[in-house]
C-alpha atoms as a PDB file:
ATOM      1  CA  MET A   1     -15.593  44.623 -27.560  1.00  0.00           C
ATOM      2  CA  SER A   2     -16.379  43.433 -31.159  1.00  0.00           C
ATOM      3  CA  ILE A   3     -19.505  42.262 -32.463  1.00  0.00           C
ATOM      4  CA  GLU A   4     -17.562  40.699 -35.581  1.00  0.00           C
ATOM      5  CA  GLN A   5     -19.372  37.658 -35.236  1.00  0.00           C
ATOM      6  CA  LEU A   6     -22.364  38.841 -36.379  1.00  0.00           C
ATOM      7  CA  THR A   7     -21.090  40.516 -39.106  1.00  0.00           C
ATOM      8  CA  PRO A   8     -22.969  38.154 -42.100  1.00  0.00           C
ATOM      9  CA  PHE A   9     -26.248  39.256 -40.592  1.00  0.00           C
ATOM     10  CA  PHE A  10     -25.959  43.011 -40.341  1.00  0.00           C
ATOM     11  CA  ALA A  11     -26.561  45.358 -43.307  1.00  0.00           C
ATOM     12  CA  PRO A  12     -24.015  47.382 -44.451  1.00  0.00           C
ATOM     13  CA  THR A  13     -26.331  50.448 -44.549  1.00  0.00           C
ATOM     14  CA  TYR A  14     -29.896  51.065 -44.015  1.00  0.00           C
ATOM     15  CA  GLU A  15     -31.984  49.450 -46.800  1.00  0.00           C
ATOM     16  CA  ASN A  16     -35.713  50.059 -47.867  1.00  0.00           C
ATOM     17  CA  PHE A  17     -36.273  46.357 -49.037  1.00  0.00           C
ATOM     18  CA  PRO A  18     -35.495  43.443 -46.584  1.00  0.00           C
ATOM     19  CA  LYS A  19     -32.990  40.845 -47.798  1.00  0.00           C
ATOM     20  CA  GLY A  20     -33.289  38.247 -45.068  1.00  0.00           C
ATOM     21  CA  ARG A  21     -30.831  39.163 -42.177  1.00  0.00           C
ATOM     22  CA  THR A  22     -31.977  38.122 -39.076  1.00  0.00           C
ATOM     23  CA  ILE A  23     -30.579  38.401 -35.946  1.00  0.00           C
ATOM     24  CA  GLY A  24     -32.479  36.980 -32.757  1.00  0.00           C
ATOM     25  CA  LEU A  25     -32.190  37.811 -29.030  1.00  0.00           C
ATOM     26  CA  VAL A  26     -33.456  35.602 -26.020  1.00  0.00           C
ATOM     27  CA  VAL A  27     -34.384  38.208 -23.208  1.00  0.00           C
ATOM     28  CA  LEU A  28     -35.010  37.468 -19.718  1.00  0.00           C
ATOM     29  CA  ARG A  29     -37.240  39.750 -17.939  1.00  0.00           C
ATOM     30  CA  THR A  30     -37.505  39.892 -14.344  1.00  0.00           C
ATOM     31  CA  SER A  31     -39.733  42.271 -12.111  1.00  0.00           C
ATOM     32  CA  LEU A  32     -37.830  43.703  -9.242  1.00  0.00           C
ATOM     33  CA  SER A  33     -40.858  45.147  -7.658  1.00  0.00           C
ATOM     34  CA  GLU A  34     -44.777  44.983  -7.759  1.00  0.00           C
ATOM     35  CA  LEU A  35     -45.581  45.353 -11.549  1.00  0.00           C
ATOM     36  CA  ILE A  36     -48.915  46.313 -13.311  1.00  0.00           C
ATOM     37  CA  LEU A  37     -49.610  44.943 -16.507  1.00  0.00           C
ATOM     38  CA  ARG A  38     -52.885  45.370 -18.250  1.00  0.00           C
ATOM     39  CA  THR A  39     -54.548  47.219 -20.871  1.00  0.00           C
ATOM     40  CA  GLU A  40     -57.409  48.210 -19.259  1.00  0.00           C
ATOM     41  CA  GLY A  41     -57.869  51.055 -16.252  1.00  0.00           C
ATOM     42  CA  THR A  42     -57.554  50.653 -12.495  1.00  0.00           C
ATOM     43  CA  GLY A  43     -58.903  47.435 -11.127  1.00  0.00           C
ATOM     44  CA  GLU A  44     -58.790  45.408 -13.977  1.00  0.00           C
ATOM     45  CA  PRO A  45     -57.206  42.004 -13.942  1.00  0.00           C
ATOM     46  CA  MET A  46     -53.651  41.560 -15.168  1.00  0.00           C
ATOM     47  CA  CYS A  47     -53.181  40.211 -18.818  1.00  0.00           C
ATOM     48  CA  ARG A  48     -52.741  36.434 -18.822  1.00  0.00           C
ATOM     49  CA  GLU A  49     -53.442  33.486 -21.261  1.00  0.00           C
ATOM     50  CA  PHE A  50     -54.762  29.876 -20.811  1.00  0.00           C
ATOM     51  CA  VAL A  51     -51.819  28.416 -22.598  1.00  0.00           C
ATOM     52  CA  GLN A  52     -50.197  24.373 -22.286  1.00  0.00           C
ATOM     53  CA  ALA A  53     -47.780  24.164 -19.800  1.00  0.00           C
ATOM     54  CA  GLY A  54     -45.100  22.730 -21.520  1.00  0.00           C
ATOM     55  CA  GLN A  55     -44.385  20.550 -24.773  1.00  0.00           C
ATOM     56  CA  THR A  56     -44.470  17.200 -23.169  1.00  0.00           C
ATOM     57  CA  ASP A  57     -46.441  18.442 -20.157  1.00  0.00           C
ATOM     58  CA  LYS A  58     -50.143  18.954 -22.064  1.00  0.00           C
ATOM     59  CA  ARG A  59     -51.599  20.145 -18.839  1.00  0.00           C
ATOM     60  CA  VAL A  60     -53.857  23.680 -19.495  1.00  0.00           C
ATOM     61  CA  VAL A  61     -52.353  26.558 -17.320  1.00  0.00           C
ATOM     62  CA  GLN A  62     -52.917  30.401 -16.955  1.00  0.00           C
ATOM     63  CA  ARG A  63     -49.868  32.275 -17.503  1.00  0.00           C
ATOM     64  CA  LEU A  64     -49.270  36.286 -17.191  1.00  0.00           C
ATOM     65  CA  VAL A  65     -48.484  37.976 -20.179  1.00  0.00           C
ATOM     66  CA  MET A  66     -46.302  40.736 -20.880  1.00  0.00           C
ATOM     67  CA  THR A  67     -47.773  42.061 -24.445  1.00  0.00           C
ATOM     68  CA  LYS A  68     -45.699  43.164 -27.248  1.00  0.00           C
ATOM     69  CA  ARG A  69     -46.387  46.864 -26.779  1.00  0.00           C
ATOM     70  CA  LYS A  70     -45.862  46.856 -22.939  1.00  0.00           C
ATOM     71  CA  GLN A  71     -42.229  45.989 -24.064  1.00  0.00           C
ATOM     72  CA  ILE A  72     -41.394  48.022 -27.027  1.00  0.00           C
ATOM     73  CA  ALA A  73     -43.214  50.928 -25.982  1.00  0.00           C
ATOM     74  CA  PRO A  74     -41.053  52.068 -22.733  1.00  0.00           C
ATOM     75  CA  GLU A  75     -37.560  50.829 -24.759  1.00  0.00           C
ATOM     76  CA  ARG A  76     -38.325  53.263 -27.522  1.00  0.00           C
ATOM     77  CA  ARG A  77     -39.182  56.027 -25.014  1.00  0.00           C
ATOM     78  CA  LYS A  78     -35.680  55.502 -23.551  1.00  0.00           C
ATOM     79  CA  GLY A  79     -34.002  55.639 -26.685  1.00  0.00           C
ATOM     80  CA  ARG A  80     -36.001  58.941 -27.892  1.00  0.00           C
ATOM     81  CA  GLU A  81     -34.677  60.347 -24.132  1.00  0.00           C
ATOM     82  CA  HIS A  82     -31.130  60.374 -25.872  1.00  0.00           C
ATOM     83  CA  LEU A  83     -32.442  61.744 -29.207  1.00  0.00           C
ATOM     84  CA  ARG A  84     -34.030  64.645 -27.555  1.00  0.00           C
ATOM     85  CA  ALA A  85     -31.054  65.299 -25.790  1.00  0.00           C
ATOM     86  CA  GLN A  86     -28.743  65.437 -29.204  1.00  0.00           C
ATOM     87  CA  ASN A  87     -31.306  67.094 -30.753  1.00  0.00           C
ATOM     88  CA  LEU A  88     -31.954  64.156 -33.288  1.00  0.00           C
ATOM     89  CA  LEU A  89     -35.450  64.070 -33.071  1.00  0.00           C
ATOM     90  CA  ARG A  90     -36.430  65.881 -36.347  1.00  0.00           C
ATOM     91  CA  LEU A  91     -39.470  68.335 -36.992  1.00  0.00           C
ATOM     92  CA  ASN A  92     -42.376  66.733 -38.859  1.00  0.00           C
ATOM     93  CA  LYS A  93     -44.154  68.443 -42.164  1.00  0.00           C
ATOM     94  CA  ASP A  94     -46.202  70.826 -39.596  1.00  0.00           C
ATOM     95  CA  GLY A  95     -42.843  71.851 -37.867  1.00  0.00           C
ATOM     96  CA  VAL A  96     -43.387  69.940 -34.489  1.00  0.00           C
ATOM     97  CA  ALA A  97     -40.782  67.719 -33.262  1.00  0.00           C
ATOM     98  CA  CYS A  98     -41.318  64.085 -33.828  1.00  0.00           C
ATOM     99  CA  ALA A  99     -43.453  62.453 -31.321  1.00  0.00           C
ATOM    100  CA  LEU A 100     -44.853  59.064 -30.230  1.00  0.00           C
ATOM    101  CA  ASN A 101     -48.847  58.611 -30.651  1.00  0.00           C
ATOM    102  CA  THR A 102     -49.239  62.259 -32.513  1.00  0.00           C
ATOM    103  CA  ASN A 103     -50.230  60.703 -36.217  1.00  0.00           C
ATOM    104  CA  ALA A 104     -47.411  63.000 -37.425  1.00  0.00           C
ATOM    105  CA  PRO A 105     -44.197  61.221 -37.039  1.00  0.00           C
ATOM    106  CA  CYS A 106     -41.017  62.997 -38.855  1.00  0.00           C
ATOM    107  CA  GLU A 107     -40.645  59.641 -40.383  1.00  0.00           C
ATOM    108  CA  MET A 108     -36.888  60.721 -40.484  1.00  0.00           C
ATOM    109  CA  CYS A 109     -35.424  60.544 -37.065  1.00  0.00           C
ATOM    110  CA  ILE A 110     -33.167  57.154 -35.786  1.00  0.00           C
ATOM    111  CA  ASP A 111     -36.764  55.748 -33.813  1.00  0.00           C
ATOM    112  CA  CYS A 112     -38.715  56.181 -37.286  1.00  0.00           C
ATOM    113  CA  PHE A 113     -36.160  54.487 -39.715  1.00  0.00           C
ATOM    114  CA  LEU A 114     -35.738  51.535 -37.221  1.00  0.00           C
ATOM    115  CA  TYR A 115     -39.179  51.354 -34.948  1.00  0.00           C
ATOM    116  CA  GLY A 116     -41.088  52.430 -37.960  1.00  0.00           C
ATOM    117  CA  PHE A 117     -44.266  54.360 -38.017  1.00  0.00           C
ATOM    118  CA  ALA A 118     -47.750  55.268 -39.277  1.00  0.00           C
ATOM    119  CA  ALA A 119     -48.623  58.625 -40.566  1.00  0.00           C
ATOM    120  CA  GLY A 120     -52.702  59.821 -41.067  1.00  0.00           C
ATOM    121  CA  GLY A 121     -51.195  60.919 -44.600  1.00  0.00           C
ATOM    122  CA  GLY A 122     -50.703  57.609 -45.901  1.00  0.00           C
ATOM    123  CA  GLY A 123     -46.846  57.183 -45.211  1.00  0.00           C
ATOM    124  CA  ALA A 124     -45.805  54.294 -43.425  1.00  0.00           C
ATOM    125  CA  GLN A 125     -42.461  52.178 -42.382  1.00  0.00           C
ATOM    126  CA  LYS A 126     -42.619  48.775 -40.711  1.00  0.00           C
ATOM    127  CA  SER A 127     -40.902  48.169 -37.707  1.00  0.00           C
ATOM    128  CA  ARG A 128     -37.384  46.272 -38.318  1.00  0.00           C
ATOM    129  CA  VAL A 129     -37.792  45.383 -34.568  1.00  0.00           C
ATOM    130  CA  TRP A 130     -40.102  42.386 -33.842  1.00  0.00           C
ATOM    131  CA  THR A 131     -41.694  41.697 -30.755  1.00  0.00           C
ATOM    132  CA  GLU A 132     -44.125  39.057 -29.497  1.00  0.00           C
ATOM    133  CA  ASP A 133     -45.916  38.397 -26.217  1.00  0.00           C
ATOM    134  CA  ALA A 134     -43.644  37.365 -23.571  1.00  0.00           C
ATOM    135  CA  PHE A 135     -45.215  34.798 -21.268  1.00  0.00           C
ATOM    136  CA  SER A 136     -44.345  34.135 -17.369  1.00  0.00           C
ATOM    137  CA  ILE A 137     -42.675  30.778 -16.430  1.00  0.00           C
ATOM    138  CA  LEU A 138     -44.824  30.464 -13.775  1.00  0.00           C
ATOM    139  CA  THR A 139     -48.282  30.394 -13.612  1.00  0.00           C
ATOM    140  CA  ALA A 140     -50.670  33.426 -12.775  1.00  0.00           C
ATOM    141  CA  THR A 141     -51.870  31.882  -9.512  1.00  0.00           C
ATOM    142  CA  GLU A 142     -48.545  31.606  -8.112  1.00  0.00           C
ATOM    143  CA  THR A 143     -47.228  35.051  -9.322  1.00  0.00           C
ATOM    144  CA  LEU A 144     -50.042  37.504  -8.474  1.00  0.00           C
ATOM    145  CA  SER A 145     -51.598  39.344  -5.448  1.00  0.00           C
ATOM    146  CA  ASP A 146     -53.446  41.631  -4.084  1.00  0.00           C
ATOM    147  CA  ARG A 147     -52.663  45.461  -2.613  1.00  0.00           C
ATOM    148  CA  THR A 148     -55.296  47.820  -1.113  1.00  0.00           C
ATOM    149  CA  ILE A 149     -54.834  51.155  -1.896  1.00  0.00           C
ATOM    150  CA  ASN A 150     -55.992  54.280   0.539  1.00  0.00           C
ATOM    151  CA  ALA A 151     -56.070  57.825   0.135  1.00  0.00           C
ATOM    152  CA  ILE A 152     -53.708  59.366   3.268  1.00  0.00           C
ATOM    153  CA  PHE A 153     -54.493  62.973   3.785  1.00  0.00           C
ATOM    154  CA  GLU A 154     -51.657  65.853   4.330  1.00  0.00           C
ATOM    155  CA  ASN A 155     -51.914  64.826   7.980  1.00  0.00           C
ATOM    156  CA  GLY A 156     -50.704  61.565   7.656  1.00  0.00           C
ATOM    157  CA  THR A 157     -53.581  59.926   8.668  1.00  0.00           C
ATOM    158  CA  MET A 158     -56.868  58.626   6.745  1.00  0.00           C
ATOM    159  CA  ARG A 159     -59.068  61.457   8.436  1.00  0.00           C
ATOM    160  CA  ASP A 160     -59.161  64.711   7.141  1.00  0.00           C
ATOM    161  CA  GLU A 161     -58.976  68.014   9.339  1.00  0.00           C
ATOM    162  CA  LYS A 162     -62.800  67.475  10.023  1.00  0.00           C
ATOM    163  CA  GLY A 163     -62.459  63.681  11.357  1.00  0.00           C
ATOM    164  CA  ASN A 164     -63.675  62.644   8.180  1.00  0.00           C
ATOM    165  CA  PRO A 165     -62.500  59.172   6.857  1.00  0.00           C
ATOM    166  CA  SER A 166     -61.207  58.752   3.450  1.00  0.00           C
ATOM    167  CA  THR A 167     -63.492  56.984   0.913  1.00  0.00           C
ATOM    168  CA  ALA A 168     -60.644  56.393  -1.906  1.00  0.00           C
ATOM    169  CA  LEU A 169     -60.351  52.629  -1.129  1.00  0.00           C
ATOM    170  CA  ASN A 170     -59.394  50.225  -4.068  1.00  0.00           C
ATOM    171  CA  THR A 171     -58.247  46.734  -4.320  1.00  0.00           C
ATOM    172  CA  SER A 172     -55.903  46.104  -7.187  1.00  0.00           C
ATOM    173  CA  GLU A 173     -54.162  43.107  -8.394  1.00  0.00           C
ATOM    174  CA  TYR A 174     -50.082  43.148  -8.778  1.00  0.00           C
ATOM    175  CA  ILE A 175     -47.311  40.980 -10.172  1.00  0.00           C
ATOM    176  CA  LYS A 176     -45.185  39.922  -7.401  1.00  0.00           C
ATOM    177  CA  PRO A 177     -41.398  40.926  -7.270  1.00  0.00           C
ATOM    178  CA  GLY A 178     -39.368  38.148  -8.682  1.00  0.00           C
ATOM    179  CA  VAL A 179     -41.590  36.889 -11.533  1.00  0.00           C
ATOM    180  CA  HIS A 180     -39.600  36.243 -14.354  1.00  0.00           C
ATOM    181  CA  PHE A 181     -40.622  36.553 -18.284  1.00  0.00           C
ATOM    182  CA  LEU A 182     -39.079  34.946 -21.230  1.00  0.00           C
ATOM    183  CA  ASP A 183     -39.214  36.666 -24.303  1.00  0.00           C
ATOM    184  CA  VAL A 184     -37.926  36.384 -28.007  1.00  0.00           C
ATOM    185  CA  VAL A 185     -36.992  39.730 -30.331  1.00  0.00           C
ATOM    186  CA  THR A 186     -36.357  39.699 -33.850  1.00  0.00           C
ATOM    187  CA  LEU A 187     -34.171  42.495 -35.657  1.00  0.00           C
ATOM    188  CA  LYS A 188     -34.743  42.560 -39.256  1.00  0.00           C
ATOM    189  CA  ASP A 189     -31.361  43.880 -41.909  1.00  0.00           C
ATOM    190  CA  VAL A 190     -30.559  45.672 -39.244  1.00  0.00           C
ATOM    191  CA  THR A 191     -26.804  47.565 -39.079  1.00  0.00           C
ATOM    192  CA  ALA A 192     -24.478  47.275 -36.431  1.00  0.00           C
ATOM    193  CA  ASP A 193     -24.884  50.558 -34.997  1.00  0.00           C
ATOM    194  CA  GLU A 194     -29.022  49.989 -35.233  1.00  0.00           C
ATOM    195  CA  PHE A 195     -28.157  46.444 -33.503  1.00  0.00           C
ATOM    196  CA  ARG A 196     -26.391  48.534 -30.580  1.00  0.00           C
ATOM    197  CA  TYR A 197     -29.355  51.211 -30.484  1.00  0.00           C
ATOM    198  CA  VAL A 198     -31.830  48.444 -29.846  1.00  0.00           C
ATOM    199  CA  LEU A 199     -29.782  46.330 -27.145  1.00  0.00           C
ATOM    200  CA  GLY A 200     -28.618  49.741 -25.590  1.00  0.00           C
ATOM    201  CA  ASN A 201     -32.425  50.288 -24.904  1.00  0.00           C
ATOM    202  CA  ILE A 202     -33.564  46.949 -23.777  1.00  0.00           C
ATOM    203  CA  LEU A 203     -30.576  46.993 -21.409  1.00  0.00           C
ATOM    204  CA  LEU A 204     -31.301  50.670 -20.131  1.00  0.00           C
ATOM    205  CA  THR A 205     -35.111  50.437 -19.704  1.00  0.00           C
ATOM    206  CA  SER A 206     -35.767  49.335 -16.183  1.00  0.00           C
ATOM    207  CA  ARG A 207     -39.592  50.570 -15.678  1.00  0.00           C
ATOM    208  CA  TYR A 208     -42.498  48.932 -17.721  1.00  0.00           C
ATOM    209  CA  GLY A 209     -46.458  48.822 -17.207  1.00  0.00           C
ATOM    210  CA  ALA A 210     -48.736  51.279 -15.590  1.00  0.00           C
ATOM    211  CA  VAL A 211     -47.677  53.432 -12.342  1.00  0.00           C
ATOM    212  CA  SER A 212     -44.631  52.873 -13.554  1.00  0.00           C
ATOM    213  CA  SER A 213     -43.308  56.213 -11.689  1.00  0.00           C
ATOM    214  CA  ARG A 214     -44.355  54.095  -8.309  1.00  0.00           C
ATOM    215  CA  VAL A 215     -43.592  50.565  -9.297  1.00  0.00           C
ATOM    216  CA  GLY A 216     -42.901  48.181 -12.663  1.00  0.00           C
ATOM    217  CA  ARG A 217     -38.894  47.798 -11.994  1.00  0.00           C
ATOM    218  CA  MET A 218     -37.459  45.023 -13.964  1.00  0.00           C
ATOM    219  CA  GLU A 219     -34.020  43.893 -15.041  1.00  0.00           C
ATOM    220  CA  ASN A 220     -33.546  42.755 -18.522  1.00  0.00           C
ATOM    221  CA  GLN A 221     -30.859  40.313 -19.491  1.00  0.00           C
ATOM    222  CA  ILE A 222     -29.614  39.055 -22.898  1.00  0.00           C
ATOM    223  CA  LEU A 223     -29.191  35.269 -22.636  1.00  0.00           C
ATOM    224  CA  GLY A 224     -28.672  34.388 -26.281  1.00  0.00           C
ATOM    225  CA  ILE A 225     -27.811  36.105 -29.543  1.00  0.00           C
ATOM    226  CA  PHE A 226     -28.515  34.152 -32.868  1.00  0.00           C
ATOM    227  CA  GLY A 227     -27.972  34.859 -36.204  1.00  0.00           C
ATOM    228  CA  GLY A 228     -29.768  33.573 -39.369  1.00  0.00           C
ATOM    229  CA  ILE A 229     -32.248  33.818 -41.954  1.00  0.00           C
ATOM    230  CA  ALA A 230     -35.411  33.069 -40.050  1.00  0.00           C
ATOM    231  CA  GLU A 231     -37.003  33.398 -36.657  1.00  0.00           C
ATOM    232  CA  LEU A 232     -35.997  31.552 -33.577  1.00  0.00           C
ATOM    233  CA  PRO A 233     -39.104  29.493 -31.860  1.00  0.00           C
ATOM    234  CA  SER A 234     -41.496  31.932 -29.976  1.00  0.00           C
ATOM    235  CA  SER A 235     -41.732  32.945 -26.421  1.00  0.00           C
ATOM    236  CA  LEU A 236     -44.318  30.506 -25.773  1.00  0.00           C
ATOM    237  CA  GLU A 237     -42.635  27.769 -27.197  1.00  0.00           C
ATOM    238  CA  LEU A 238     -39.675  28.789 -25.296  1.00  0.00           C
ATOM    239  CA  VAL A 239     -41.440  29.232 -21.892  1.00  0.00           C
ATOM    240  CA  GLN A 240     -42.579  25.635 -22.327  1.00  0.00           C
ATOM    241  CA  ALA A 241     -39.297  23.987 -23.034  1.00  0.00           C
ATOM    242  CA  VAL A 242     -37.774  25.560 -19.952  1.00  0.00           C
ATOM    243  CA  HIS A 243     -41.061  24.626 -17.951  1.00  0.00           C
ATOM    244  CA  ASP A 244     -40.416  20.656 -18.988  1.00  0.00           C
ATOM    245  CA  HIS A 245     -36.821  21.298 -18.266  1.00  0.00           C
ATOM    246  CA  PHE A 246     -37.538  21.870 -14.792  1.00  0.00           C
ATOM    247  CA  ILE A 247     -40.096  18.875 -14.561  1.00  0.00           C
ATOM    248  CA  ILE A 248     -37.240  16.241 -16.106  1.00  0.00           C
ATOM    249  CA  ASN A 249     -34.745  17.378 -13.501  1.00  0.00           C
ATOM    250  CA  ASN A 250     -37.504  17.465 -10.663  1.00  0.00           C
ATOM    251  CA  LYS A 251     -36.728  21.229 -10.321  1.00  0.00           C
ATOM    252  CA  PRO A 252     -39.231  22.915  -8.226  1.00  0.00           C
ATOM    253  CA  LEU A 253     -41.460  25.352 -10.048  1.00  0.00           C
ATOM    254  CA  GLU A 254     -42.455  27.614  -7.179  1.00  0.00           C
ATOM    255  CA  HIS A 255     -42.086  31.265  -6.594  1.00  0.00           C
ATOM    256  CA  PRO A 256     -39.350  32.408  -5.903  1.00  0.00           C
ATOM    257  CA  LEU A 257     -37.903  30.621  -8.694  1.00  0.00           C
ATOM    258  CA  ASP A 258     -33.886  30.522  -8.409  1.00  0.00           C
ATOM    259  CA  ASN A 259     -32.837  32.942 -11.162  1.00  0.00           C
ATOM    260  CA  GLY A 260     -29.595  30.982 -11.450  1.00  0.00           C
ATOM    261  CA  GLU A 261     -31.473  27.573 -12.321  1.00  0.00           C
ATOM    262  CA  LEU A 262     -33.763  29.544 -14.733  1.00  0.00           C
ATOM    263  CA  ILE A 263     -31.083  31.105 -16.580  1.00  0.00           C
ATOM    264  CA  ALA A 264     -29.147  27.621 -16.750  1.00  0.00           C
ATOM    265  CA  ALA A 265     -32.387  25.911 -18.168  1.00  0.00           C
ATOM    266  CA  THR A 266     -32.695  28.368 -20.492  1.00  0.00           C
ATOM    267  CA  GLN A 267     -29.520  28.284 -22.018  1.00  0.00           C
ATOM    268  CA  ALA A 268     -29.630  24.512 -22.020  1.00  0.00           C
ATOM    269  CA  VAL A 269     -32.908  24.628 -24.156  1.00  0.00           C
ATOM    270  CA  ILE A 270     -31.552  27.133 -26.560  1.00  0.00           C
ATOM    271  CA  SER A 271     -27.980  25.455 -27.037  1.00  0.00           C
ATOM    272  CA  SER A 272     -29.708  23.114 -29.197  1.00  0.00           C
ATOM    273  CA  TRP A 273     -31.402  25.899 -31.722  1.00  0.00           C
ATOM    274  CA  THR A 274     -28.840  25.828 -34.156  1.00  0.00           C
ATOM    275  CA  THR A 275     -29.815  22.654 -35.545  1.00  0.00           C
ATOM    276  CA  ARG A 276     -33.322  24.500 -36.716  1.00  0.00           C
ATOM    277  CA  ARG A 277     -34.143  25.402 -40.083  1.00  0.00           C
ATOM    278  CA  GLY A 278     -32.801  28.835 -40.824  1.00  0.00           C
ATOM    279  CA  ILE A 279     -30.933  29.521 -37.676  1.00  0.00           C
ATOM    280  CA  SER A 280     -26.672  29.159 -38.365  1.00  0.00           C
ATOM    281  CA  VAL A 281     -25.033  30.863 -35.476  1.00  0.00           C
ATOM    282  CA  GLN A 282     -25.181  31.362 -32.108  1.00  0.00           C
ATOM    283  CA  LEU A 283     -23.013  33.650 -29.764  1.00  0.00           C
ATOM    284  CA  SER A 284     -20.728  31.505 -27.116  1.00  0.00           C
ATOM    285  CA  ASN A 285     -21.186  32.829 -23.515  1.00  0.00           C
ATOM    286  CA  ASP A 286     -17.774  34.723 -23.875  1.00  0.00           C
ATOM    287  CA  GLU A 287     -18.972  36.307 -27.460  1.00  0.00           C
ATOM    288  CA  LEU A 288     -22.103  37.323 -25.958  1.00  0.00           C
ATOM    289  CA  GLU A 289     -20.074  38.892 -23.095  1.00  0.00           C
ATOM    290  CA  ALA A 290     -18.507  40.815 -25.244  1.00  0.00           C
ATOM    291  CA  VAL A 291     -21.014  41.802 -27.339  1.00  0.00           C
ATOM    292  CA  ILE A 292     -22.686  43.549 -23.855  1.00  0.00           C
ATOM    293  CA  ALA A 293     -19.510  45.263 -23.060  1.00  0.00           C
ATOM    294  CA  ASP A 294     -19.440  46.548 -26.751  1.00  0.00           C
ATOM    295  CA  ILE A 295     -23.001  47.772 -26.301  1.00  0.00           C
ATOM    296  CA  ASP A 296     -22.016  49.653 -22.608  1.00  0.00           C
ATOM    297  CA  HIS A 297     -18.770  51.140 -24.286  1.00  0.00           C
ATOM    298  CA  HIS A 298     -21.184  52.976 -26.808  1.00  0.00           C
ATOM    299  CA  TRP A 299     -23.717  54.230 -24.566  1.00  0.00           C
ATOM    300  CA  SER A 300     -21.071  55.480 -22.022  1.00  0.00           C
ATOM    301  CA  ASP A 301     -21.183  58.946 -21.328  1.00  0.00           C
ATOM    302  CA  ALA A 302     -18.098  59.470 -23.312  1.00  0.00           C
ATOM    303  CA  GLU A 303     -19.340  57.785 -26.401  1.00  0.00           C
ATOM    304  CA  ARG A 304     -23.089  58.191 -26.272  1.00  0.00           C
ATOM    305  CA  GLU A 305     -22.943  61.346 -28.661  1.00  0.00           C
ATOM    306  CA  VAL A 306     -20.459  60.377 -31.195  1.00  0.00           C
ATOM    307  CA  PHE A 307     -22.476  57.121 -31.452  1.00  0.00           C
ATOM    308  CA  LEU A 308     -25.662  58.676 -32.000  1.00  0.00           C
ATOM    309  CA  GLN A 309     -24.562  61.238 -34.046  1.00  0.00           C
ATOM    310  CA  ARG A 310     -23.093  58.401 -36.302  1.00  0.00           C
ATOM    311  CA  LEU A 311     -25.998  56.264 -36.351  1.00  0.00           C
ATOM    312  CA  ASP A 312     -28.130  59.508 -37.449  1.00  0.00           C
ATOM    313  CA  ALA A 313     -25.801  60.530 -40.511  1.00  0.00           C
ATOM    314  CA  SER A 314     -25.933  56.885 -41.593  1.00  0.00           C
ATOM    315  CA  TYR A 315     -29.608  57.876 -43.091  1.00  0.00           C
ATOM    316  CA  GLU A 316     -28.638  61.063 -44.704  1.00  0.00           C
ATOM    317  CA  SER A 317     -28.490  59.708 -48.254  1.00  0.00           C
ATOM    318  CA  PHE A 318     -31.836  58.393 -47.763  1.00  0.00           C
ATOM    319  CA  ARG A 319     -33.227  61.689 -46.338  1.00  0.00           C
ATOM    320  CA  GLN A 320     -31.960  63.397 -49.371  1.00  0.00           C
ATOM    321  CA  VAL A 321     -33.674  61.376 -51.783  1.00  0.00           C
ATOM    322  CA  SER A 322     -37.185  61.432 -50.141  1.00  0.00           C
ATOM    323  CA  GLU A 323     -36.796  65.268 -49.720  1.00  0.00           C
ATOM    324  CA  LYS A 324     -36.099  65.389 -53.943  1.00  0.00           C
ATOM    325  CA  LYS A 325     -39.653  63.161 -54.238  1.00  0.00           C
ATOM    326  CA  SER A 326     -41.372  65.772 -51.752  1.00  0.00           C
ATOM    327  CA  LYS A 327     -40.403  68.727 -53.659  1.00  0.00           C
ATOM    328  CA  GLY A 328     -41.148  66.754 -57.266  1.00  0.00           C
ATOM    329  CA  LYS A 329     -44.470  66.144 -56.094  1.00  0.00           C
ATOM    330  CA  LYS A 330     -45.328  69.553 -55.201  1.00  0.00           C
ATOM    331  CA  LYS A 331     -43.794  70.803 -58.191  1.00  0.00           C
ATOM    332  CA  GLU A 332     -46.288  68.461 -60.232  1.00  0.00           C
ATOM    333  CA  THR A 333     -49.354  69.512 -58.077  1.00  0.00           C
ATOM    334  CA  VAL A 334     -48.504  73.052 -58.799  1.00  0.00           C
ATOM    335  CA  GLU A 335     -48.226  72.340 -62.781  1.00  0.00           C
ATOM    336  CA  ALA A 336     -51.762  70.667 -62.325  1.00  0.00           C
ATOM    337  CA  GLY A 337     -53.191  73.527 -61.163  1.00  0.00           C
ATOM    338  CA  ASN A 338     -51.902  75.919 -63.648  1.00  0.00           C
END
């Protein structure tokens, strides 16, 4: 269970300034239930964009889009669940535990150091987990359907105790089960334990999109890990190349798409990426399996507490420096007041 192959691309410790170490992940996200990915309220259409079908197939098609925020938000929350369980979410300047979307992050927990934050008072940390929109392999017309929603009263029917019919009817669009999204995630200057933390969040997160307590089940698979000094090709380029691979090999592009054929096509496409400028290493299938085993080991019940405590402690020297700076600023303010 080793990730030594990636050692040249890991930062030895957390650092404030980037040094060009880049690790790229190719992620396959597959819906396992009905899925709702939209940016507005109930009844709004799914997120979609008109794009070129392939790199050689010049037709314009409409593909579903899983926006970057729809990916990263559930994964951050998954990690924060475990930080909260280990009391590793620190207090912010107001004495309140660190929380997302409150404009008052603690700036000192694992999540803040790794995924970044922007505080109203002017403090900010850029995320070292770079994401982009993930696109569906198949078109929107092949992967969408409608569902009529109605309200059932407690007697199990659509009529209340007086016999009045329910008026709560709504037709909503949803993404079918078995729809595949290909995604590229970039990690910048992360340590080995930060790498384990991010991959653990991706592999453990199973619910995405709206109404995630009812629908939105997804499975995430890591199909490739690369090291270098530059980003991988984009998610859109990857989807277009896979589309062309299916066309060239006369494979049917229709729902439901065969999962094995898609994985084989994706791995065939990414196998040549080490020839691109700035990308120097791709893990083999055996090395990839070893990395996943390493992630599972560190996130297991027996090791998770020790792993998260160790990662949290790795930022301690930086916290001490920040506290000294904060105290110095307060002292200068008092002297100016005198």
